[in-house]
């Protein structure tokens, strides 16, 4: 019975695409538990979870990006407590590692939040989305728990460009963390740009940041940083 139900489900997608070739098909069913290769072959993207807070979005993305293309993994960003600008960025970026969808009343945002979101969305379109589409993805932390640090890395060896998404959890005692990056050339020097200027830009060899790690300093809990890097010429 289940087999025939699944075949019928796929047939619906096939019929829709044949009738409307330009349609975008989202898989959104059963709390994200229909995320499988069969659905991936018939649709365009997945709604990854039915809970949309920052931690839930990062956990769902962390799990599913082990097996499916990150560009197919949609995160809904829902209203969350953001008393500081750092918390607002943390909320947005927790949904910006794959397919971003904002699901809240943005008219409730302050002028500062609108300006911040405008800048982040442009950054997402210009610099993050090309990496999400083409770059290799690396899990450079344990599964997010909301307490400790977690991170995701993209690196495209063809363009020699990458980014580290760094998230600090809720604990008040861990303002510093070292992320061991992956996929770089040990003898090559890379230049690292801290987008929020949490640290000065610096250069380091691939070997250094893959062994000692890249140092991130964030004074506020539930904050984030984007570190862009490229091969130094």
N, C-alpha and C. Protein backbone atom coordinates (compact mmCIF):
# COMPACT_ATOMS: atom_id res chain seq x y z
N UNK A 1 0.83 -1.20 0.00
CA UNK A 1 0.00 0.00 0.00
C UNK A 1 0.87 1.26 0.00
N UNK A 2 1.89 1.28 0.85
CA UNK A 2 2.77 2.44 0.91
C UNK A 2 3.48 2.66 -0.41
N UNK A 3 3.89 1.56 -1.05
CA UNK A 3 4.58 1.67 -2.34
C UNK A 3 3.69 2.38 -3.36
N UNK A 4 2.44 1.98 -3.45
CA UNK A 4 1.54 2.58 -4.43
C UNK A 4 1.24 4.03 -4.08
N UNK A 5 1.16 4.34 -2.80
CA UNK A 5 0.94 5.73 -2.38
C UNK A 5 2.11 6.61 -2.82
N UNK A 6 3.32 6.10 -2.65
CA UNK A 6 4.51 6.86 -3.06
C UNK A 6 4.55 7.05 -4.56
N UNK A 7 4.24 5.98 -5.32
CA UNK A 7 4.24 6.11 -6.77
C UNK A 7 3.20 7.13 -7.22
N UNK A 8 2.05 7.14 -6.59
CA UNK A 8 1.01 8.12 -6.95
C UNK A 8 1.47 9.53 -6.62
N UNK A 9 2.16 9.66 -5.50
CA UNK A 9 2.71 10.96 -5.08
C UNK A 9 3.68 11.48 -6.14
N UNK A 10 4.58 10.64 -6.60
CA UNK A 10 5.54 11.04 -7.63
C UNK A 10 4.82 11.35 -8.94
N UNK A 11 3.79 10.60 -9.27
CA UNK A 11 3.07 10.82 -10.52
C UNK A 11 2.41 12.20 -10.54
N UNK A 12 1.95 12.66 -9.39
CA UNK A 12 1.34 13.99 -9.31
C UNK A 12 2.36 15.06 -9.68
N UNK A 13 3.57 14.93 -9.12
CA UNK A 13 4.64 15.89 -9.45
C UNK A 13 4.97 15.84 -10.94
N UNK A 14 5.09 14.63 -11.49
CA UNK A 14 5.44 14.48 -12.90
C UNK A 14 4.38 15.11 -13.79
N UNK A 15 3.12 14.88 -13.47
CA UNK A 15 2.03 15.44 -14.27
C UNK A 15 2.02 16.96 -14.20
N UNK A 16 2.24 17.52 -13.01
CA UNK A 16 2.28 18.97 -12.86
C UNK A 16 3.41 19.58 -13.67
N UNK A 17 4.59 18.94 -13.63
CA UNK A 17 5.73 19.50 -14.36
C UNK A 17 5.53 19.39 -15.87
N UNK A 18 4.92 18.32 -16.32
CA UNK A 18 4.65 18.19 -17.75
C UNK A 18 3.66 19.25 -18.23
N UNK A 19 2.69 19.56 -17.40
CA UNK A 19 1.66 20.53 -17.79
C UNK A 19 2.15 21.97 -17.62
N UNK A 20 3.01 22.19 -16.61
CA UNK A 20 3.51 23.54 -16.31
C UNK A 20 5.04 23.47 -16.15
N UNK A 21 5.79 23.47 -17.23
CA UNK A 21 7.25 23.24 -17.16
C UNK A 21 7.99 24.25 -16.29
N UNK A 22 7.48 25.45 -16.14
CA UNK A 22 8.18 26.47 -15.36
C UNK A 22 7.85 26.48 -13.89
N UNK A 23 7.01 25.58 -13.44
CA UNK A 23 6.56 25.60 -12.05
C UNK A 23 7.68 25.16 -11.11
N UNK A 24 7.72 25.76 -9.93
CA UNK A 24 8.63 25.32 -8.87
C UNK A 24 7.85 24.45 -7.89
N UNK A 25 8.35 23.27 -7.62
CA UNK A 25 7.65 22.33 -6.76
C UNK A 25 8.40 22.16 -5.44
N UNK A 26 7.69 22.43 -4.35
CA UNK A 26 8.25 22.31 -3.01
C UNK A 26 7.74 21.03 -2.35
N UNK A 27 8.64 20.31 -1.69
CA UNK A 27 8.23 19.17 -0.86
C UNK A 27 8.07 19.69 0.56
N UNK A 28 6.84 19.66 1.05
CA UNK A 28 6.55 20.16 2.39
C UNK A 28 5.48 19.27 3.00
N UNK A 29 5.93 18.26 3.76
CA UNK A 29 4.97 17.29 4.27
C UNK A 29 5.58 16.53 5.44
N UNK A 30 4.80 16.29 6.47
CA UNK A 30 5.19 15.38 7.54
C UNK A 30 6.41 15.85 8.30
N UNK A 31 6.49 17.16 8.59
CA UNK A 31 7.58 17.67 9.42
C UNK A 31 8.95 17.46 8.84
N UNK A 32 9.05 17.45 7.52
CA UNK A 32 10.35 17.26 6.88
C UNK A 32 10.76 15.82 6.73
N UNK A 33 9.89 14.87 7.07
CA UNK A 33 10.30 13.46 7.04
C UNK A 33 10.10 12.80 5.67
N UNK A 34 9.67 13.58 4.68
CA UNK A 34 9.62 13.03 3.32
C UNK A 34 10.77 13.58 2.49
N UNK A 35 11.88 13.87 3.15
CA UNK A 35 13.07 14.34 2.45
C UNK A 35 13.86 13.12 2.03
N UNK A 36 13.71 12.74 0.77
CA UNK A 36 14.37 11.54 0.28
C UNK A 36 14.79 11.76 -1.17
N UNK A 37 15.52 10.81 -1.72
CA UNK A 37 16.04 10.97 -3.06
C UNK A 37 14.94 10.90 -4.11
N UNK A 38 13.89 10.14 -3.85
CA UNK A 38 12.78 10.08 -4.80
C UNK A 38 12.10 11.42 -4.94
N UNK A 39 11.83 12.07 -3.80
CA UNK A 39 11.22 13.41 -3.85
C UNK A 39 12.17 14.41 -4.49
N UNK A 40 13.48 14.26 -4.22
CA UNK A 40 14.47 15.17 -4.80
C UNK A 40 14.48 15.09 -6.32
N UNK A 41 14.20 13.90 -6.85
CA UNK A 41 14.19 13.71 -8.30
C UNK A 41 12.96 14.30 -8.96
N UNK A 42 11.91 14.58 -8.18
CA UNK A 42 10.65 15.04 -8.75
C UNK A 42 10.32 16.50 -8.42
N UNK A 43 10.98 17.07 -7.45
CA UNK A 43 10.66 18.44 -7.02
C UNK A 43 11.91 19.31 -7.08
N UNK A 44 11.77 20.56 -6.64
CA UNK A 44 12.87 21.52 -6.75
C UNK A 44 13.54 21.82 -5.41
N UNK A 45 12.76 21.81 -4.33
CA UNK A 45 13.36 22.11 -3.03
C UNK A 45 12.49 21.55 -1.92
N UNK A 46 13.08 21.47 -0.74
CA UNK A 46 12.43 20.88 0.43
C UNK A 46 12.22 21.93 1.52
N UNK A 47 11.05 21.94 2.13
CA UNK A 47 10.88 22.61 3.42
C UNK A 47 11.39 21.64 4.47
N UNK A 48 12.48 22.01 5.13
CA UNK A 48 13.25 21.03 5.89
C UNK A 48 12.70 20.72 7.28
N UNK A 49 11.90 21.60 7.86
CA UNK A 49 11.40 21.37 9.21
C UNK A 49 10.14 22.18 9.43
N UNK A 50 9.32 21.75 10.39
CA UNK A 50 8.11 22.50 10.73
C UNK A 50 8.30 23.40 11.94
N UNK A 51 9.51 23.49 12.46
CA UNK A 51 9.83 24.45 13.51
C UNK A 51 10.90 25.38 12.97
N UNK A 52 10.71 26.70 13.16
CA UNK A 52 11.44 27.68 12.36
C UNK A 52 12.31 28.62 13.19
N UNK A 53 12.56 28.29 14.44
CA UNK A 53 13.49 29.10 15.23
C UNK A 53 14.91 28.87 14.73
N UNK A 54 15.87 29.73 15.08
CA UNK A 54 17.23 29.60 14.54
C UNK A 54 17.87 28.23 14.78
N UNK A 55 17.75 27.71 15.99
CA UNK A 55 18.38 26.42 16.28
C UNK A 55 17.75 25.30 15.45
N UNK A 56 16.43 25.26 15.35
CA UNK A 56 15.77 24.21 14.57
C UNK A 56 16.18 24.29 13.10
N UNK A 57 16.28 25.50 12.56
CA UNK A 57 16.70 25.65 11.17
C UNK A 57 18.13 25.14 10.96
N UNK A 58 19.02 25.46 11.89
CA UNK A 58 20.41 25.02 11.72
C UNK A 58 20.54 23.51 11.91
N UNK A 59 19.78 22.96 12.83
CA UNK A 59 19.82 21.51 13.03
C UNK A 59 19.31 20.77 11.80
N UNK A 60 18.19 21.21 11.26
CA UNK A 60 17.63 20.55 10.08
C UNK A 60 18.61 20.65 8.91
N UNK A 61 19.18 21.83 8.71
CA UNK A 61 20.13 21.99 7.62
C UNK A 61 21.36 21.12 7.84
N UNK A 62 21.86 21.09 9.05
CA UNK A 62 23.05 20.27 9.36
C UNK A 62 22.80 18.81 9.02
N UNK A 63 21.66 18.30 9.42
CA UNK A 63 21.35 16.89 9.19
C UNK A 63 21.20 16.57 7.71
N UNK A 64 20.37 17.36 7.03
CA UNK A 64 19.99 17.01 5.67
C UNK A 64 21.07 17.33 4.65
N UNK A 65 21.95 18.28 4.97
CA UNK A 65 23.00 18.64 4.02
C UNK A 65 24.11 17.59 3.96
N UNK A 66 24.03 16.56 4.80
CA UNK A 66 24.96 15.44 4.65
C UNK A 66 24.69 14.64 3.39
N UNK A 67 23.45 14.67 2.91
CA UNK A 67 23.09 13.77 1.80
C UNK A 67 22.43 14.49 0.62
N UNK A 68 21.94 15.71 0.81
CA UNK A 68 21.23 16.39 -0.27
C UNK A 68 21.87 17.75 -0.56
N UNK A 69 21.74 18.25 -1.79
CA UNK A 69 22.33 19.55 -2.14
C UNK A 69 21.76 20.67 -1.27
N UNK A 70 22.65 21.49 -0.73
CA UNK A 70 22.19 22.54 0.18
C UNK A 70 21.30 23.56 -0.51
N UNK A 71 21.45 23.74 -1.83
CA UNK A 71 20.60 24.68 -2.54
C UNK A 71 19.14 24.24 -2.57
N UNK A 72 18.87 22.96 -2.27
CA UNK A 72 17.50 22.44 -2.24
C UNK A 72 16.87 22.53 -0.86
N UNK A 73 17.64 22.93 0.15
CA UNK A 73 17.17 22.85 1.53
C UNK A 73 16.67 24.22 2.00
N UNK A 74 15.36 24.31 2.13
CA UNK A 74 14.73 25.59 2.47
C UNK A 74 14.54 25.72 3.98
N UNK A 75 14.86 26.91 4.48
CA UNK A 75 14.61 27.25 5.89
C UNK A 75 13.66 28.43 5.94
N UNK A 76 12.59 28.28 6.71
CA UNK A 76 11.68 29.39 6.98
C UNK A 76 12.20 30.16 8.19
N UNK A 77 12.41 31.45 8.02
CA UNK A 77 12.82 32.30 9.13
C UNK A 77 11.56 32.92 9.73
N UNK A 78 11.28 32.54 10.97
CA UNK A 78 10.07 32.99 11.65
C UNK A 78 10.42 33.97 12.76
N UNK A 79 9.43 34.73 13.22
CA UNK A 79 9.64 35.73 14.27
C UNK A 79 10.27 35.10 15.50
N UNK A 80 11.27 35.77 16.03
CA UNK A 80 12.03 35.27 17.17
C UNK A 80 12.49 36.47 17.97
N UNK A 81 12.75 36.29 19.25
CA UNK A 81 13.16 37.41 20.10
C UNK A 81 14.54 37.93 19.68
N UNK A 82 14.60 39.20 19.30
CA UNK A 82 15.85 39.79 18.81
C UNK A 82 16.08 41.15 19.48
N UNK A 83 16.45 41.15 20.76
CA UNK A 83 16.64 42.42 21.45
C UNK A 83 17.82 43.24 20.93
N UNK A 84 18.78 42.59 20.29
CA UNK A 84 19.96 43.29 19.78
C UNK A 84 20.13 42.99 18.29
N UNK A 85 20.88 43.86 17.61
CA UNK A 85 21.16 43.66 16.19
C UNK A 85 21.86 42.32 15.97
N UNK A 86 22.76 41.95 16.88
CA UNK A 86 23.48 40.69 16.75
C UNK A 86 22.52 39.50 16.75
N UNK A 87 21.46 39.57 17.56
CA UNK A 87 20.47 38.50 17.60
C UNK A 87 19.65 38.45 16.32
N UNK A 88 19.38 39.62 15.74
CA UNK A 88 18.64 39.71 14.49
C UNK A 88 19.43 39.04 13.36
N UNK A 89 20.73 39.32 13.29
CA UNK A 89 21.59 38.70 12.28
C UNK A 89 21.68 37.19 12.50
N UNK A 90 21.78 36.79 13.74
CA UNK A 90 21.84 35.36 14.10
C UNK A 90 20.58 34.65 13.60
N UNK A 91 19.43 35.29 13.76
CA UNK A 91 18.17 34.71 13.30
C UNK A 91 18.15 34.59 11.78
N UNK A 92 18.51 35.67 11.08
CA UNK A 92 18.48 35.64 9.62
C UNK A 92 19.47 34.62 9.07
N UNK A 93 20.69 34.64 9.57
CA UNK A 93 21.74 33.79 9.00
C UNK A 93 21.50 32.31 9.29
N UNK A 94 20.75 32.01 10.34
CA UNK A 94 20.42 30.61 10.61
C UNK A 94 19.54 30.03 9.52
N UNK A 95 18.93 30.88 8.70
CA UNK A 95 18.12 30.43 7.58
C UNK A 95 18.74 30.72 6.23
N UNK A 96 20.00 31.18 6.22
CA UNK A 96 20.62 31.63 4.97
C UNK A 96 21.71 30.68 4.48
N UNK A 97 21.75 29.45 4.97
CA UNK A 97 22.79 28.53 4.53
C UNK A 97 22.37 27.73 3.30
N UNK A 98 21.07 27.75 3.01
CA UNK A 98 20.55 27.09 1.82
C UNK A 98 19.53 27.99 1.15
N UNK A 99 18.32 27.48 0.96
CA UNK A 99 17.23 28.23 0.32
C UNK A 99 16.52 29.04 1.41
N UNK A 100 16.58 30.35 1.33
CA UNK A 100 16.04 31.24 2.36
C UNK A 100 14.61 31.65 2.04
N UNK A 101 13.72 31.51 3.04
CA UNK A 101 12.37 32.05 2.96
C UNK A 101 12.06 32.77 4.27
N UNK A 102 11.61 34.02 4.17
CA UNK A 102 11.23 34.80 5.35
C UNK A 102 9.73 34.66 5.56
N UNK A 103 9.33 34.17 6.73
CA UNK A 103 7.92 33.93 7.01
C UNK A 103 7.53 34.70 8.28
N UNK A 104 7.42 35.99 8.14
CA UNK A 104 6.99 36.83 9.26
C UNK A 104 6.51 38.16 8.71
N UNK A 105 5.87 38.92 9.56
CA UNK A 105 5.39 40.25 9.19
C UNK A 105 6.56 41.23 9.29
N UNK A 106 7.19 41.52 8.17
CA UNK A 106 8.36 42.40 8.20
C UNK A 106 8.00 43.86 8.47
N UNK A 107 6.72 44.20 8.42
CA UNK A 107 6.34 45.57 8.77
C UNK A 107 6.54 45.85 10.25
N UNK A 108 6.72 44.79 11.04
CA UNK A 108 6.98 44.98 12.47
C UNK A 108 8.45 45.28 12.76
N UNK A 109 9.31 45.16 11.75
CA UNK A 109 10.73 45.43 11.95
C UNK A 109 10.96 46.92 12.16
N UNK A 110 11.98 47.23 12.92
CA UNK A 110 12.39 48.63 13.08
C UNK A 110 13.11 49.10 11.83
N UNK A 111 13.35 50.40 11.75
CA UNK A 111 14.09 50.94 10.61
C UNK A 111 15.49 50.33 10.53
N UNK A 112 16.12 50.15 11.70
CA UNK A 112 17.46 49.55 11.71
C UNK A 112 17.41 48.10 11.21
N UNK A 113 16.39 47.37 11.62
CA UNK A 113 16.27 45.98 11.17
C UNK A 113 16.01 45.90 9.67
N UNK A 114 15.19 46.80 9.15
CA UNK A 114 14.97 46.83 7.70
C UNK A 114 16.28 47.09 6.96
N UNK A 115 17.05 48.04 7.44
CA UNK A 115 18.33 48.36 6.79
C UNK A 115 19.29 47.18 6.87
N UNK A 116 19.32 46.53 8.04
CA UNK A 116 20.19 45.37 8.22
C UNK A 116 19.77 44.23 7.31
N UNK A 117 18.47 43.96 7.26
CA UNK A 117 17.97 42.88 6.41
C UNK A 117 18.25 43.16 4.94
N UNK A 118 18.09 44.38 4.51
CA UNK A 118 18.36 44.73 3.11
C UNK A 118 19.81 44.41 2.75
N UNK A 119 20.73 44.77 3.64
CA UNK A 119 22.15 44.48 3.40
C UNK A 119 22.41 42.98 3.38
N UNK A 120 21.82 42.25 4.32
CA UNK A 120 22.05 40.80 4.40
C UNK A 120 21.47 40.07 3.20
N UNK A 121 20.30 40.47 2.75
CA UNK A 121 19.69 39.81 1.60
C UNK A 121 20.51 40.07 0.33
N UNK A 122 21.05 41.27 0.20
CA UNK A 122 21.90 41.54 -0.96
C UNK A 122 23.18 40.73 -0.89
N UNK A 123 23.74 40.59 0.31
CA UNK A 123 24.92 39.76 0.49
C UNK A 123 24.61 38.30 0.15
N UNK A 124 23.45 37.85 0.57
CA UNK A 124 23.01 36.48 0.26
C UNK A 124 22.93 36.26 -1.24
N UNK A 125 22.34 37.21 -1.95
CA UNK A 125 22.19 37.07 -3.40
C UNK A 125 23.53 37.14 -4.12
N UNK A 126 24.37 38.08 -3.70
CA UNK A 126 25.61 38.34 -4.45
C UNK A 126 26.73 37.36 -4.14
N UNK A 127 26.87 36.98 -2.86
CA UNK A 127 28.07 36.23 -2.48
C UNK A 127 27.78 34.85 -1.89
N UNK A 128 26.70 34.72 -1.15
CA UNK A 128 26.43 33.44 -0.50
C UNK A 128 25.76 32.45 -1.44
N UNK A 129 24.80 32.90 -2.19
CA UNK A 129 24.05 31.99 -3.06
C UNK A 129 24.93 31.30 -4.10
N UNK A 130 25.90 31.99 -4.72
CA UNK A 130 26.80 31.27 -5.64
C UNK A 130 27.58 30.15 -4.96
N UNK A 131 28.00 30.35 -3.71
CA UNK A 131 28.71 29.31 -2.98
C UNK A 131 27.76 28.17 -2.61
N UNK A 132 26.56 28.52 -2.18
CA UNK A 132 25.57 27.50 -1.85
C UNK A 132 25.29 26.62 -3.06
N UNK A 133 25.27 27.23 -4.23
CA UNK A 133 24.95 26.49 -5.46
C UNK A 133 26.12 25.63 -5.94
N UNK A 134 27.35 26.14 -5.87
CA UNK A 134 28.48 25.50 -6.56
C UNK A 134 29.57 24.95 -5.66
N UNK A 135 29.69 25.44 -4.44
CA UNK A 135 30.85 25.09 -3.61
C UNK A 135 30.65 23.77 -2.88
N UNK A 136 31.76 23.22 -2.38
CA UNK A 136 31.71 22.06 -1.50
C UNK A 136 31.33 22.51 -0.10
N UNK A 137 30.52 21.70 0.58
CA UNK A 137 30.07 22.02 1.93
C UNK A 137 30.79 21.14 2.94
N UNK A 138 31.18 21.73 4.07
CA UNK A 138 31.85 21.00 5.13
C UNK A 138 31.17 21.30 6.46
N UNK A 139 30.95 20.25 7.25
CA UNK A 139 30.43 20.40 8.61
C UNK A 139 31.65 20.55 9.54
N UNK A 140 31.85 21.75 10.05
CA UNK A 140 33.06 22.03 10.84
C UNK A 140 32.76 22.14 12.33
N UNK A 141 31.67 21.55 12.75
CA UNK A 141 31.33 21.50 14.17
C UNK A 141 30.46 20.28 14.40
N UNK A 142 30.17 20.02 15.66
CA UNK A 142 29.17 19.02 15.99
C UNK A 142 27.79 19.57 15.65
N UNK A 143 26.79 18.70 15.72
CA UNK A 143 25.41 19.11 15.45
C UNK A 143 25.03 20.26 16.39
N UNK A 144 24.42 21.32 15.88
CA UNK A 144 24.07 22.45 16.73
C UNK A 144 23.21 22.06 17.93
N UNK A 145 23.57 22.61 19.10
CA UNK A 145 22.76 22.37 20.29
C UNK A 145 22.22 23.67 20.89
N UNK A 146 22.56 24.80 20.28
CA UNK A 146 22.06 26.08 20.76
C UNK A 146 22.81 26.63 21.95
N UNK A 147 23.69 25.84 22.53
CA UNK A 147 24.45 26.25 23.72
C UNK A 147 25.88 26.60 23.34
N UNK A 148 26.51 25.66 22.61
CA UNK A 148 27.89 25.85 22.21
C UNK A 148 27.96 26.42 20.79
N UNK A 149 29.17 26.62 20.30
CA UNK A 149 29.37 27.12 18.95
C UNK A 149 29.04 26.05 17.91
N UNK A 150 28.59 26.49 16.74
CA UNK A 150 28.47 25.59 15.60
C UNK A 150 28.76 26.37 14.33
N UNK A 151 29.07 25.62 13.26
CA UNK A 151 29.43 26.29 12.02
C UNK A 151 29.33 25.40 10.81
N UNK A 152 29.20 26.05 9.67
CA UNK A 152 29.18 25.41 8.36
C UNK A 152 30.15 26.15 7.46
N UNK A 153 30.89 25.41 6.65
CA UNK A 153 31.85 26.01 5.72
C UNK A 153 31.50 25.64 4.29
N UNK A 154 31.63 26.61 3.40
CA UNK A 154 31.60 26.37 1.96
C UNK A 154 32.97 26.73 1.38
N UNK A 155 33.43 25.94 0.41
CA UNK A 155 34.65 26.30 -0.31
C UNK A 155 34.57 25.75 -1.73
N UNK A 156 34.82 26.63 -2.71
CA UNK A 156 34.81 26.26 -4.11
C UNK A 156 36.25 26.22 -4.61
N UNK A 157 36.82 25.04 -4.83
CA UNK A 157 38.22 24.97 -5.27
C UNK A 157 38.43 25.54 -6.67
N UNK A 158 37.38 25.66 -7.47
CA UNK A 158 37.54 26.22 -8.81
C UNK A 158 37.78 27.73 -8.75
N UNK A 159 37.06 28.42 -7.90
CA UNK A 159 37.23 29.87 -7.78
C UNK A 159 38.15 30.26 -6.63
N UNK A 160 38.50 29.30 -5.76
CA UNK A 160 39.29 29.52 -4.56
C UNK A 160 38.63 30.52 -3.60
N UNK A 161 37.31 30.51 -3.56
CA UNK A 161 36.56 31.36 -2.64
C UNK A 161 35.73 30.48 -1.70
N UNK A 162 35.54 30.97 -0.48
CA UNK A 162 34.74 30.24 0.48
C UNK A 162 34.17 31.15 1.55
N UNK A 163 33.39 30.56 2.45
CA UNK A 163 32.82 31.30 3.58
C UNK A 163 32.63 30.35 4.75
N UNK A 164 32.83 30.88 5.93
CA UNK A 164 32.51 30.17 7.17
C UNK A 164 31.33 30.87 7.83
N UNK A 165 30.25 30.12 8.09
CA UNK A 165 29.15 30.61 8.92
C UNK A 165 29.48 30.20 10.36
N UNK A 166 29.67 31.17 11.24
CA UNK A 166 29.99 30.88 12.63
C UNK A 166 28.86 31.37 13.53
N UNK A 167 28.38 30.49 14.40
CA UNK A 167 27.29 30.82 15.32
C UNK A 167 27.73 30.55 16.75
N UNK A 168 27.58 31.56 17.61
CA UNK A 168 27.83 31.36 19.03
C UNK A 168 26.52 31.04 19.73
N UNK A 169 26.54 30.03 20.60
CA UNK A 169 25.34 29.62 21.32
C UNK A 169 25.01 30.51 22.50
N UNK A 170 24.21 29.98 23.39
CA UNK A 170 23.65 30.78 24.48
C UNK A 170 24.55 30.89 25.71
N UNK A 171 25.56 30.02 25.81
CA UNK A 171 26.39 30.06 27.00
C UNK A 171 27.13 31.39 27.13
N UNK A 172 27.27 31.84 28.37
CA UNK A 172 27.88 33.16 28.60
C UNK A 172 29.38 33.09 28.74
N UNK A 173 29.96 31.91 28.70
CA UNK A 173 31.39 31.77 29.03
C UNK A 173 32.26 31.39 27.84
N UNK A 174 31.71 31.33 26.63
CA UNK A 174 32.49 30.91 25.47
C UNK A 174 32.48 32.00 24.40
N UNK A 175 33.28 33.03 24.61
CA UNK A 175 33.34 34.13 23.65
C UNK A 175 34.33 33.86 22.52
N UNK A 176 35.17 32.84 22.67
CA UNK A 176 36.21 32.53 21.68
C UNK A 176 36.06 31.08 21.23
N UNK A 177 36.23 30.86 19.93
CA UNK A 177 36.18 29.50 19.42
C UNK A 177 37.11 29.37 18.22
N UNK A 178 37.69 28.20 18.04
CA UNK A 178 38.54 27.91 16.89
C UNK A 178 37.83 26.88 16.00
N UNK A 179 37.60 27.25 14.75
CA UNK A 179 37.01 26.34 13.78
C UNK A 179 38.11 25.75 12.90
N UNK A 180 38.24 24.44 12.90
CA UNK A 180 39.18 23.77 12.00
C UNK A 180 38.52 23.65 10.62
N UNK A 181 39.02 24.43 9.67
CA UNK A 181 38.45 24.41 8.34
C UNK A 181 38.88 23.16 7.57
N UNK A 182 38.25 22.93 6.43
CA UNK A 182 38.51 21.71 5.67
C UNK A 182 38.64 22.04 4.18
N UNK A 183 39.28 21.13 3.46
CA UNK A 183 39.30 21.20 2.01
C UNK A 183 40.26 22.18 1.39
N UNK A 184 41.14 22.79 2.19
CA UNK A 184 42.07 23.78 1.67
C UNK A 184 43.42 23.14 1.35
N UNK A 185 44.27 23.89 0.66
CA UNK A 185 45.63 23.43 0.36
C UNK A 185 46.56 23.85 1.49
N UNK A 186 47.29 22.89 2.05
CA UNK A 186 48.11 23.17 3.22
C UNK A 186 49.14 24.25 3.02
N UNK A 187 49.79 24.30 1.87
CA UNK A 187 50.88 25.25 1.63
C UNK A 187 50.41 26.56 1.01
N UNK A 188 49.12 26.67 0.76
CA UNK A 188 48.57 27.88 0.16
C UNK A 188 48.17 28.88 1.24
N UNK A 189 48.41 30.16 0.97
CA UNK A 189 48.00 31.20 1.91
C UNK A 189 46.65 31.77 1.50
N UNK A 190 45.79 31.94 2.48
CA UNK A 190 44.45 32.46 2.25
C UNK A 190 44.25 33.76 3.03
N UNK A 191 43.44 34.64 2.46
CA UNK A 191 43.10 35.88 3.16
C UNK A 191 41.67 35.75 3.69
N UNK A 192 41.50 36.09 4.97
CA UNK A 192 40.21 35.94 5.65
C UNK A 192 39.64 37.32 5.98
N UNK A 193 38.41 37.53 5.53
CA UNK A 193 37.71 38.80 5.78
C UNK A 193 36.52 38.55 6.70
N UNK A 194 36.52 39.21 7.84
CA UNK A 194 35.44 39.09 8.83
C UNK A 194 34.38 40.13 8.49
N UNK A 195 33.25 39.66 7.99
CA UNK A 195 32.25 40.57 7.42
C UNK A 195 31.74 41.57 8.44
N UNK A 196 31.53 41.14 9.68
CA UNK A 196 31.03 42.04 10.72
C UNK A 196 32.15 42.75 11.47
N UNK A 197 33.38 42.54 11.04
CA UNK A 197 34.56 43.16 11.66
C UNK A 197 34.71 42.76 13.12
N UNK A 198 34.32 41.51 13.43
CA UNK A 198 34.52 41.03 14.79
C UNK A 198 36.00 40.84 15.11
N UNK A 199 36.82 40.67 14.06
CA UNK A 199 38.27 40.58 14.18
C UNK A 199 38.88 41.25 12.96
N UNK A 200 40.13 41.69 13.06
CA UNK A 200 40.78 42.26 11.87
C UNK A 200 40.97 41.18 10.80
N UNK A 201 40.92 41.60 9.56
CA UNK A 201 41.23 40.67 8.48
C UNK A 201 42.64 40.14 8.67
N UNK A 202 42.86 38.89 8.21
CA UNK A 202 44.18 38.29 8.40
C UNK A 202 44.45 37.29 7.29
N UNK A 203 45.70 36.89 7.19
CA UNK A 203 46.11 35.84 6.26
C UNK A 203 46.67 34.68 7.04
N UNK A 204 46.49 33.48 6.51
CA UNK A 204 47.00 32.28 7.16
C UNK A 204 47.09 31.18 6.12
N UNK A 205 47.94 30.21 6.37
CA UNK A 205 48.04 29.07 5.46
C UNK A 205 46.88 28.12 5.69
N UNK A 206 46.60 27.33 4.67
CA UNK A 206 45.59 26.31 4.82
C UNK A 206 45.92 25.35 5.94
N UNK A 207 47.18 25.02 6.07
CA UNK A 207 47.59 24.08 7.13
C UNK A 207 47.25 24.64 8.52
N UNK A 208 47.49 25.93 8.71
CA UNK A 208 47.24 26.53 10.02
C UNK A 208 45.76 26.47 10.38
N UNK A 209 44.90 26.87 9.44
CA UNK A 209 43.47 26.94 9.79
C UNK A 209 42.81 25.56 9.77
N UNK A 210 43.48 24.57 9.19
CA UNK A 210 42.93 23.21 9.23
C UNK A 210 43.42 22.42 10.44
N UNK A 211 44.44 22.92 11.11
CA UNK A 211 44.96 22.22 12.30
C UNK A 211 44.68 23.04 13.55
N UNK A 212 45.33 24.20 13.67
CA UNK A 212 45.08 25.07 14.83
C UNK A 212 43.65 25.62 14.81
N UNK A 213 43.17 25.93 13.60
CA UNK A 213 41.82 26.45 13.47
C UNK A 213 41.80 27.96 13.25
N UNK A 214 40.68 28.45 12.78
CA UNK A 214 40.47 29.88 12.58
C UNK A 214 39.78 30.44 13.82
N UNK A 215 40.40 31.42 14.44
CA UNK A 215 39.89 31.99 15.69
C UNK A 215 38.74 32.96 15.42
N UNK A 216 37.62 32.75 16.11
CA UNK A 216 36.46 33.64 16.04
C UNK A 216 36.17 34.16 17.44
N UNK A 217 35.98 35.46 17.55
CA UNK A 217 35.67 36.10 18.83
C UNK A 217 34.33 36.82 18.69
N UNK A 218 33.35 36.41 19.49
CA UNK A 218 32.05 37.07 19.52
C UNK A 218 31.67 37.33 20.97
N UNK A 219 31.58 38.57 21.39
CA UNK A 219 31.31 38.87 22.81
C UNK A 219 29.90 38.57 23.27
N UNK A 220 28.94 38.50 22.32
CA UNK A 220 27.54 38.35 22.70
C UNK A 220 27.02 36.95 22.40
N UNK A 221 26.33 36.32 23.36
CA UNK A 221 25.66 35.04 23.06
C UNK A 221 24.62 35.21 21.95
N UNK A 222 24.35 34.11 21.26
CA UNK A 222 23.39 34.07 20.16
C UNK A 222 23.68 35.16 19.13
N UNK A 223 24.94 35.15 18.70
CA UNK A 223 25.39 36.05 17.66
C UNK A 223 26.10 35.23 16.59
N UNK A 224 26.60 35.91 15.56
CA UNK A 224 27.14 35.17 14.41
C UNK A 224 28.19 36.01 13.71
N UNK A 225 28.91 35.37 12.81
CA UNK A 225 29.86 36.05 11.94
C UNK A 225 29.95 35.28 10.63
N UNK A 226 30.17 35.99 9.55
CA UNK A 226 30.46 35.39 8.25
C UNK A 226 31.90 35.74 7.91
N UNK A 227 32.70 34.72 7.69
CA UNK A 227 34.10 34.94 7.34
C UNK A 227 34.32 34.48 5.91
N UNK A 228 34.54 35.43 5.02
CA UNK A 228 34.82 35.11 3.62
C UNK A 228 36.32 34.94 3.45
N UNK A 229 36.70 33.99 2.62
CA UNK A 229 38.13 33.78 2.40
C UNK A 229 38.41 33.39 0.97
N UNK A 230 39.62 33.66 0.55
CA UNK A 230 40.04 33.36 -0.81
C UNK A 230 41.54 33.13 -0.84
N UNK A 231 41.99 32.46 -1.87
CA UNK A 231 43.42 32.22 -2.04
C UNK A 231 44.13 33.54 -2.26
N UNK A 232 45.20 33.76 -1.53
CA UNK A 232 45.95 35.01 -1.63
C UNK A 232 46.91 34.91 -2.80
N UNK A 233 46.86 35.91 -3.68
CA UNK A 233 47.70 35.90 -4.87
C UNK A 233 48.80 36.94 -4.75
